[in-house]
Amino acid sequence: MSTQDAAWTASLDTVLHEWAQTAAARDKAGGTAFHERNLLRVSGLLHLSVPVEFGGMGAAWSTTLDVVRRMAQVDSSLAHLFAFHHLQLATIRLFGSDAQNERWLCGTIDEGWFLGNALNPLDKGTCTLADNANGFLFDGRKSFCSGARDSDRLIASAYDDEGRLQIGVMPTDRAGITVLDDWDNMGQRQTDSGSVIFERVPVAADELLNQPGPMSSAFATLRPMFAQAILCHIYLGLGEGALHAARDATLAQTRPWMASPAVRPSEDQYVLLHFGAFFVVLEGARLLTERAMQTFDAAWQRGLALTEDERGEVAVAIATSKVASARAGLDVAHRMFELTGARSTTAALRLDRYWRNVRVHTLHDPIDYKMRELGDWALNARKPKPSFYS
């Protein structure tokens, strides 16, 4: 491990230790985790994926998302915010010009920016683009804007009069932008995934990521697959976090069920059977996710030379990982209570947050459609077609 790697690893350990102390209480409170977000700002981890030439740490995407997985074991809301910050950085690198890359990636380093998301391509009618003497105007309302609150820069999408998707980068505090505190869901309670209102917000031409622009090449279509890979790591991390919590609760118990011949719950044959099942399903998902990220990293290194067939191989690998990690996370977070018993449902522990978080997050886009894509590949050898969700 290099000195630089050791530094960010120590920072990560410090952040995770502090998050863990308040995770249950903050899950109950909801709202914006200002203090915990500031811990990320000062930790340097927001620079993890930024290339070295722009002053960042130059970590591979597989490394960056493995950090997301570790974060999700402790607090999947903050893992989500961290991951989406890096998703915005990837968006700039894939869709923007060299000058835009230097401008915003260096700004992330020099100014300590935390990037928020208002890029929701399904919201075609909620944010429109119109010409202005000075450039463009964004106008409308966007939903599911993860990390927008307490962000320094927003990446937002809009459709122009000709139905073309336009993506802009702008200061969150620009006049006309209102970030609403209206996210109050049963899970992922501190992702600030509420709404953003744009009221004739000016966006300069050089703030639009259209050189080369979204979905402009096989390489540019890696953006939605990176977003899907983020979900895989959050689901996997949540499942692992639930397993760790179940293990701690089981080892803390001293009395087995009255019909058990075991001396302690940790020696009960059925308890061991279920822990073995949890391990197998999570280990399978982990290995599939690692393989998917190896494929993704290799595709990223290909750059504009990436072919559509190569892109399709990445899509299949990530879709497989997503289905496996979603199923594993849901299964472990749901069934952990069969092992930990009635005492583990004490409200103060909020162990149900693992299930609530993974249940909310796995509804991002339907798993059934991922299975359909994989079935089409397995049966008809047709690779998934590029879209903002595949």
Protein backbone atom coordinates (compact mmCIF):
# COMPACT_ATOMS: atom_id res chain seq x y z
CA MET A 1 0.00 0.00 0.00
CA SER A 2 1.37 3.43 -0.98
CA THR A 3 1.67 6.31 1.46
CA GLN A 4 -1.22 8.06 -0.33
CA ASP A 5 -3.41 4.95 -0.14
CA ALA A 6 -2.61 4.59 3.55
CA ALA A 7 -3.66 8.21 4.11
CA TRP A 8 -7.09 7.88 2.52
CA THR A 9 -7.64 4.47 4.12
CA ALA A 10 -7.00 6.00 7.55
CA SER A 11 -9.37 8.85 6.70
CA LEU A 12 -12.05 6.37 5.67
CA ASP A 13 -11.68 4.43 8.92
CA THR A 14 -12.03 7.65 10.91
CA VAL A 15 -15.15 8.71 8.99
CA LEU A 16 -16.79 5.30 9.33
CA HIS A 17 -16.07 5.13 13.06
CA GLU A 18 -17.75 8.48 13.65
CA TRP A 19 -20.71 7.72 11.40
CA ALA A 20 -21.33 4.46 13.24
CA GLN A 21 -21.80 6.23 16.56
CA THR A 22 -24.87 8.13 15.33
CA ALA A 23 -26.23 6.02 12.45
CA ALA A 24 -29.32 4.75 14.29
CA ALA A 25 -30.24 8.15 15.75
CA ARG A 26 -29.78 9.91 12.42
CA ASP A 27 -31.90 7.29 10.67
CA LYS A 28 -34.71 8.21 13.05
CA ALA A 29 -34.18 11.95 12.62
CA GLY A 30 -33.88 12.00 8.83
CA GLY A 31 -33.04 15.34 7.24
CA THR A 32 -29.61 16.52 6.17
CA ALA A 33 -26.49 15.12 7.83
CA PHE A 34 -24.53 18.38 7.72
CA HIS A 35 -21.84 17.28 10.18
CA GLU A 36 -21.30 13.91 8.50
CA ARG A 37 -21.13 15.52 5.06
CA ASN A 38 -18.51 17.93 6.35
CA LEU A 39 -16.50 14.97 7.60
CA LEU A 40 -16.38 13.80 3.99
CA ARG A 41 -15.30 17.24 2.82
CA VAL A 42 -12.34 17.41 5.17
CA SER A 43 -11.41 13.73 4.76
CA GLY A 44 -10.21 14.21 1.18
CA LEU A 45 -12.30 11.25 0.02
CA LEU A 46 -14.29 13.47 -2.34
CA HIS A 47 -11.06 13.63 -4.38
CA LEU A 48 -10.63 9.86 -4.57
CA SER A 49 -11.61 9.31 -8.23
CA VAL A 50 -10.27 12.60 -9.59
CA PRO A 51 -7.31 11.92 -11.91
CA VAL A 52 -3.86 12.78 -10.60
CA GLU A 53 -3.32 15.37 -13.33
CA PHE A 54 -6.15 17.42 -11.82
CA GLY A 55 -4.83 17.08 -8.29
CA GLY A 56 -6.85 14.05 -7.20
CA MET A 57 -5.89 10.60 -5.97
CA GLY A 58 -6.51 8.88 -9.28
CA ALA A 59 -8.21 5.81 -7.81
CA ALA A 60 -9.77 3.29 -10.17
CA TRP A 61 -13.55 3.17 -10.26
CA SER A 62 -13.45 -0.29 -8.67
CA THR A 63 -11.53 1.18 -5.73
CA THR A 64 -13.91 4.12 -5.40
CA LEU A 65 -16.97 1.88 -5.38
CA ASP A 66 -15.41 -0.53 -2.93
CA VAL A 67 -15.25 2.47 -0.58
CA VAL A 68 -18.97 2.98 -1.28
CA ARG A 69 -19.59 -0.65 -0.28
CA ARG A 70 -17.72 -0.20 2.99
CA MET A 71 -19.63 3.00 3.71
CA ALA A 72 -22.97 1.30 3.02
CA GLN A 73 -22.21 -1.29 5.69
CA VAL A 74 -22.34 1.57 8.21
CA ASP A 75 -24.64 4.20 6.65
CA SER A 76 -26.09 3.64 3.20
CA SER A 77 -27.53 7.16 2.96
CA LEU A 78 -24.11 8.76 3.23
CA ALA A 79 -22.63 6.06 0.99
CA HIS A 80 -25.24 7.09 -1.59
CA LEU A 81 -24.26 10.77 -1.35
CA PHE A 82 -20.56 9.96 -1.62
CA ALA A 83 -21.17 7.69 -4.60
CA PHE A 84 -23.36 10.21 -6.41
CA HIS A 85 -20.69 12.89 -5.96
CA HIS A 86 -18.33 10.62 -7.88
CA LEU A 87 -21.08 9.84 -10.40
CA GLN A 88 -21.25 13.56 -11.20
CA LEU A 89 -17.48 13.64 -11.63
CA ALA A 90 -17.74 10.68 -14.01
CA THR A 91 -20.52 12.50 -15.89
CA ILE A 92 -18.27 15.52 -16.45
CA ARG A 93 -15.44 13.29 -17.66
CA LEU A 94 -17.68 11.37 -20.06
CA PHE A 95 -19.82 14.19 -21.45
CA GLY A 96 -17.66 17.32 -21.10
CA SER A 97 -14.80 18.91 -23.01
CA ASP A 98 -11.17 18.95 -21.87
CA ALA A 99 -11.60 22.54 -20.67
CA GLN A 100 -14.72 21.60 -18.68
CA ASN A 101 -12.91 18.64 -17.13
CA GLU A 102 -10.11 20.90 -15.96
CA ARG A 103 -12.53 23.57 -14.73
CA TRP A 104 -14.76 21.38 -12.59
CA LEU A 105 -12.39 18.63 -11.54
CA CYS A 106 -9.80 21.14 -10.42
CA GLY A 107 -12.57 23.11 -8.71
CA THR A 108 -13.56 20.01 -6.78
CA ILE A 109 -10.00 19.81 -5.46
CA ASP A 110 -9.24 23.51 -4.97
CA GLU A 111 -12.63 24.61 -3.64
CA GLY A 112 -13.65 21.41 -1.86
CA TRP A 113 -16.90 21.10 -3.81
CA PHE A 114 -19.49 18.47 -2.95
CA LEU A 115 -21.48 17.71 -6.13
CA GLY A 116 -25.24 17.10 -6.06
CA ASN A 117 -27.55 15.45 -8.55
CA ALA A 118 -30.50 16.92 -10.43
CA LEU A 119 -30.03 14.77 -13.52
CA ASN A 120 -33.21 12.79 -13.99
CA PRO A 121 -33.70 11.92 -17.69
CA LEU A 122 -37.18 10.48 -17.05
CA ASP A 123 -38.37 13.94 -15.96
CA LYS A 124 -38.92 15.11 -19.53
CA GLY A 125 -41.74 17.48 -18.72
CA THR A 126 -40.46 19.00 -15.52
CA CYS A 127 -37.47 21.03 -16.64
CA THR A 128 -37.34 22.74 -20.03
CA LEU A 129 -34.62 24.67 -21.77
CA ALA A 130 -35.16 27.95 -23.57
CA ASP A 131 -32.85 30.36 -25.39
CA ASN A 132 -31.80 33.53 -23.65
CA ALA A 133 -29.68 36.43 -24.86
CA ASN A 134 -26.91 35.31 -22.51
CA GLY A 135 -27.19 31.59 -23.05
CA PHE A 136 -29.97 29.36 -21.74
CA LEU A 137 -32.63 29.10 -19.08
CA PHE A 138 -33.60 26.09 -16.98
CA ASP A 139 -37.16 26.19 -15.73
CA GLY A 140 -39.23 23.59 -13.91
CA ARG A 141 -39.07 21.09 -11.09
CA LYS A 142 -36.89 18.02 -10.69
CA SER A 143 -37.48 15.10 -8.31
CA PHE A 144 -35.17 12.53 -6.69
CA CYS A 145 -32.29 15.02 -6.56
CA SER A 146 -29.95 13.07 -4.31
CA GLY A 147 -27.41 15.18 -2.47
CA ALA A 148 -28.69 18.49 -3.84
CA ARG A 149 -29.13 19.97 -0.38
CA ASP A 150 -25.82 21.11 1.09
CA SER A 151 -24.09 20.67 -2.27
CA ASP A 152 -21.80 23.24 -3.90
CA ARG A 153 -22.47 22.39 -7.52
CA LEU A 154 -25.44 20.73 -9.22
CA ILE A 155 -25.54 18.70 -12.39
CA ALA A 156 -29.02 19.09 -13.84
CA SER A 157 -30.77 17.87 -16.96
CA ALA A 158 -33.34 19.53 -19.20
CA TYR A 159 -34.92 18.99 -22.59
CA ASP A 160 -34.80 21.71 -25.24
CA ASP A 161 -37.55 22.55 -27.72
CA GLU A 162 -36.30 19.87 -30.09
CA GLY A 163 -36.43 17.17 -27.42
CA ARG A 164 -32.66 16.95 -26.99
CA LEU A 165 -31.29 16.18 -23.56
CA GLN A 166 -29.12 18.98 -22.20
CA ILE A 167 -27.00 18.64 -19.06
CA GLY A 168 -25.60 21.63 -17.21
CA VAL A 169 -23.24 22.23 -14.28
CA MET A 170 -24.06 25.19 -12.05
CA PRO A 171 -23.59 26.56 -8.52
CA THR A 172 -26.32 25.28 -6.20
CA ASP A 173 -26.78 28.78 -4.76
CA ARG A 174 -27.41 30.42 -8.15
CA ALA A 175 -30.41 32.74 -8.22
CA GLY A 176 -33.57 30.88 -9.21
CA ILE A 177 -32.57 27.53 -7.70
CA THR A 178 -34.53 26.35 -4.66
CA VAL A 179 -33.59 23.05 -3.03
CA LEU A 180 -36.56 21.72 -1.07
CA ASP A 181 -36.29 19.74 2.15
CA ASP A 182 -39.10 17.39 1.14
CA TRP A 183 -37.49 13.93 1.32
CA ASP A 184 -39.13 11.89 4.10
CA ASN A 185 -39.19 8.26 3.01
CA MET A 186 -39.06 5.10 5.08
CA GLY A 187 -35.49 4.37 4.00
CA GLN A 188 -32.36 6.15 2.78
CA ARG A 189 -33.57 8.92 5.02
CA GLN A 190 -30.50 11.16 4.79
CA THR A 191 -29.87 11.12 1.05
CA ASP A 192 -31.65 14.48 0.60
CA SER A 193 -33.33 12.98 -2.46
CA GLY A 194 -36.05 15.60 -2.58
CA SER A 195 -37.00 18.18 -5.18
CA VAL A 196 -35.25 21.11 -6.80
CA ILE A 197 -37.11 24.02 -8.38
CA PHE A 198 -35.54 25.94 -11.25
CA GLU A 199 -37.10 29.34 -11.96
CA ARG A 200 -35.60 30.73 -15.15
CA VAL A 201 -32.11 29.83 -14.04
CA PRO A 202 -29.44 31.14 -16.45
CA VAL A 203 -27.04 28.50 -17.72
CA ALA A 204 -24.13 29.66 -19.85
CA ALA A 205 -23.21 27.79 -23.01
CA ASP A 206 -19.89 26.68 -21.52
CA GLU A 207 -21.76 25.16 -18.57
CA LEU A 208 -23.49 22.62 -20.81
CA LEU A 209 -21.91 19.20 -21.17
CA ASN A 210 -22.38 18.78 -24.90
CA GLN A 211 -18.83 18.31 -26.12
CA PRO A 212 -19.09 15.39 -26.82
CA GLY A 213 -22.36 15.22 -24.83
CA PRO A 214 -24.52 12.45 -23.36
CA MET A 215 -24.71 9.04 -25.04
CA SER A 216 -22.48 10.33 -27.83
CA SER A 217 -20.35 7.19 -28.12
CA ALA A 218 -20.07 3.69 -26.69
CA PHE A 219 -17.66 5.17 -24.14
CA ALA A 220 -20.13 7.88 -23.11
CA THR A 221 -22.78 5.22 -22.47
CA LEU A 222 -20.66 3.94 -19.59
CA ARG A 223 -22.27 6.64 -17.43
CA PRO A 224 -25.56 4.80 -16.77
CA MET A 225 -23.64 1.59 -16.17
CA PHE A 226 -21.50 3.34 -13.57
CA ALA A 227 -24.72 4.51 -11.91
CA GLN A 228 -25.98 0.92 -11.89
CA ALA A 229 -22.64 -0.27 -10.46
CA ILE A 230 -23.10 2.20 -7.61
CA LEU A 231 -26.41 0.54 -6.76
CA CYS A 232 -24.74 -2.89 -6.73
CA HIS A 233 -22.22 -1.75 -4.15
CA ILE A 234 -24.83 -0.10 -1.95
CA TYR A 235 -27.02 -3.23 -1.98
CA LEU A 236 -24.03 -5.45 -1.25
CA GLY A 237 -22.82 -3.17 1.54
CA LEU A 238 -26.26 -3.11 3.13
CA GLY A 239 -26.43 -6.90 3.07
CA GLU A 240 -22.98 -7.12 4.64
CA GLY A 241 -23.93 -4.53 7.25
CA ALA A 242 -27.03 -6.53 8.13
CA LEU A 243 -24.93 -9.68 8.45
CA HIS A 244 -22.48 -7.90 10.77
CA ALA A 245 -25.36 -6.62 12.91
CA ALA A 246 -26.92 -10.09 13.07
CA ARG A 247 -23.59 -11.59 14.05
CA ASP A 248 -23.06 -9.06 16.87
CA ALA A 249 -26.58 -9.60 18.18
CA THR A 250 -26.27 -13.39 18.06
CA LEU A 251 -22.88 -13.49 19.78
CA ALA A 252 -24.22 -11.22 22.53
CA GLN A 253 -26.98 -13.70 23.39
CA THR A 254 -26.35 -16.32 26.09
CA ARG A 255 -29.55 -18.37 26.06
CA PRO A 256 -30.54 -20.55 23.09
CA TRP A 257 -34.13 -21.40 22.22
CA MET A 258 -35.59 -23.82 24.76
CA ALA A 259 -35.76 -26.73 22.27
CA SER A 260 -32.17 -26.30 21.16
CA PRO A 261 -29.51 -28.77 22.40
CA ALA A 262 -26.85 -26.06 22.00
CA VAL A 263 -25.23 -24.39 24.98
CA ARG A 264 -25.27 -20.96 23.29
CA PRO A 265 -27.23 -19.52 20.32
CA SER A 266 -23.96 -19.27 18.37
CA GLU A 267 -23.72 -23.11 18.44
CA ASP A 268 -27.32 -23.82 17.41
CA GLN A 269 -27.42 -25.87 14.21
CA TYR A 270 -30.20 -23.82 12.63
CA VAL A 271 -28.49 -20.54 13.45
CA LEU A 272 -25.32 -21.85 11.84
CA LEU A 273 -27.28 -23.04 8.81
CA HIS A 274 -28.77 -19.60 8.19
CA PHE A 275 -25.50 -17.77 8.72
CA GLY A 276 -23.97 -20.12 6.17
CA ALA A 277 -26.75 -19.31 3.72
CA PHE A 278 -26.24 -15.58 4.26
CA PHE A 279 -22.51 -15.95 3.68
CA VAL A 280 -23.01 -17.87 0.42
CA VAL A 281 -25.48 -15.42 -1.10
CA LEU A 282 -23.38 -12.39 -0.16
CA GLU A 283 -20.13 -14.01 -1.28
CA GLY A 284 -21.68 -14.84 -4.64
CA ALA A 285 -22.90 -11.27 -5.08
CA ARG A 286 -19.51 -9.91 -4.02
CA LEU A 287 -17.61 -11.98 -6.55
CA LEU A 288 -20.02 -11.04 -9.35
CA THR A 289 -19.65 -7.39 -8.39
CA GLU A 290 -15.86 -7.61 -8.38
CA ARG A 291 -15.92 -9.22 -11.82
CA ALA A 292 -18.28 -6.54 -13.12
CA MET A 293 -15.96 -3.78 -11.91
CA GLN A 294 -12.92 -5.44 -13.48
CA THR A 295 -14.84 -5.38 -16.76
CA PHE A 296 -15.88 -1.77 -16.19
CA ASP A 297 -12.37 -0.56 -15.37
CA ALA A 298 -11.03 -2.24 -18.51
CA ALA A 299 -13.76 -0.61 -20.63
CA TRP A 300 -13.01 2.81 -19.12
CA GLN A 301 -9.35 2.44 -20.07
CA ARG A 302 -10.40 1.82 -23.68
CA GLY A 303 -11.82 5.33 -23.93
CA LEU A 304 -13.28 6.28 -27.28
CA ALA A 305 -11.90 3.05 -28.76
CA LEU A 306 -14.53 1.11 -26.80
CA THR A 307 -16.81 -0.81 -29.17
CA GLU A 308 -20.54 -1.41 -28.81
CA ASP A 309 -19.92 -5.14 -28.31
CA GLU A 310 -17.42 -4.43 -25.53
CA ARG A 311 -19.87 -2.02 -23.98
CA GLY A 312 -22.52 -4.74 -24.11
CA GLU A 313 -20.27 -7.13 -22.18
CA VAL A 314 -19.98 -4.55 -19.40
CA ALA A 315 -23.76 -4.10 -19.38
CA VAL A 316 -24.34 -7.84 -18.95
CA ALA A 317 -21.78 -8.08 -16.14
CA ILE A 318 -23.23 -5.14 -14.22
CA ALA A 319 -26.84 -6.25 -14.71
CA THR A 320 -25.91 -9.68 -13.33
CA SER A 321 -24.20 -8.07 -10.36
CA LYS A 322 -27.18 -5.83 -9.72
CA VAL A 323 -29.71 -8.65 -9.63
CA ALA A 324 -27.49 -10.75 -7.36
CA SER A 325 -26.64 -7.92 -4.96
CA ALA A 326 -30.25 -6.71 -4.74
CA ARG A 327 -31.54 -10.19 -3.96
CA ALA A 328 -28.75 -10.82 -1.44
CA GLY A 329 -29.23 -7.50 0.33
CA LEU A 330 -32.99 -7.91 0.58
CA ASP A 331 -32.75 -11.51 1.75
CA VAL A 332 -30.21 -10.94 4.51
CA ALA A 333 -31.70 -7.67 5.76
CA HIS A 334 -35.14 -9.31 5.95
CA ARG A 335 -34.25 -12.70 7.43
CA MET A 336 -31.62 -11.56 9.92
CA PHE A 337 -34.40 -11.21 12.51
CA GLU A 338 -35.11 -14.93 12.36
CA LEU A 339 -31.72 -15.38 14.00
CA THR A 340 -31.53 -12.40 16.32
CA GLY A 341 -34.98 -12.82 17.86
CA ALA A 342 -37.53 -10.53 19.43
CA ARG A 343 -35.07 -8.42 21.42
CA SER A 344 -33.41 -7.24 18.23
CA THR A 345 -36.63 -5.50 17.19
CA THR A 346 -36.22 -2.94 19.99
CA ALA A 347 -36.95 0.41 18.37
CA ALA A 348 -33.82 2.08 19.73
CA LEU A 349 -31.58 -0.32 17.79
CA ARG A 350 -33.31 0.47 14.49
CA LEU A 351 -31.89 -2.70 12.95
CA ASP A 352 -34.78 -2.58 10.51
CA ARG A 353 -32.98 0.28 8.79
CA TYR A 354 -30.96 -2.20 6.72
CA TRP A 355 -34.13 -3.65 5.22
CA ARG A 356 -35.84 -0.27 4.86
CA ASN A 357 -32.79 1.18 3.12
CA VAL A 358 -32.27 -1.70 0.70
CA ARG A 359 -36.01 -1.95 0.01
CA VAL A 360 -36.25 1.73 -0.92
CA HIS A 361 -33.05 1.68 -2.94
CA THR A 362 -33.86 -1.46 -4.95
CA LEU A 363 -36.91 0.35 -6.33
CA HIS A 364 -34.62 2.75 -8.23
CA ASP A 365 -35.50 0.87 -11.41
CA PRO A 366 -37.28 -2.49 -11.72
CA ILE A 367 -35.14 -5.58 -11.18
CA ASP A 368 -37.58 -7.48 -13.42
CA TYR A 369 -36.37 -5.46 -16.39
CA LYS A 370 -32.77 -6.33 -15.58
CA MET A 371 -33.80 -9.98 -15.52
CA ARG A 372 -35.55 -9.56 -18.87
CA GLU A 373 -32.36 -8.07 -20.35
CA LEU A 374 -30.31 -10.96 -19.00
CA GLY A 375 -32.84 -13.46 -20.29
CA ASP A 376 -32.63 -11.89 -23.75
CA TRP A 377 -28.86 -12.23 -23.57
CA ALA A 378 -28.95 -15.84 -22.31
CA LEU A 379 -31.55 -16.96 -24.85
CA ASN A 380 -31.08 -14.72 -27.89
CA ALA A 381 -27.50 -13.42 -27.42
CA ARG A 382 -28.80 -9.85 -27.53
CA LYS A 383 -26.85 -7.48 -25.31
CA PRO A 384 -28.66 -4.69 -23.41
CA LYS A 385 -29.31 -1.59 -25.48
CA PRO A 386 -27.84 1.68 -24.20
CA SER A 387 -30.19 3.83 -22.15
CA PHE A 388 -29.90 5.90 -19.00
CA TYR A 389 -30.83 2.77 -17.03
CA SER A 390 -28.81 0.05 -18.80
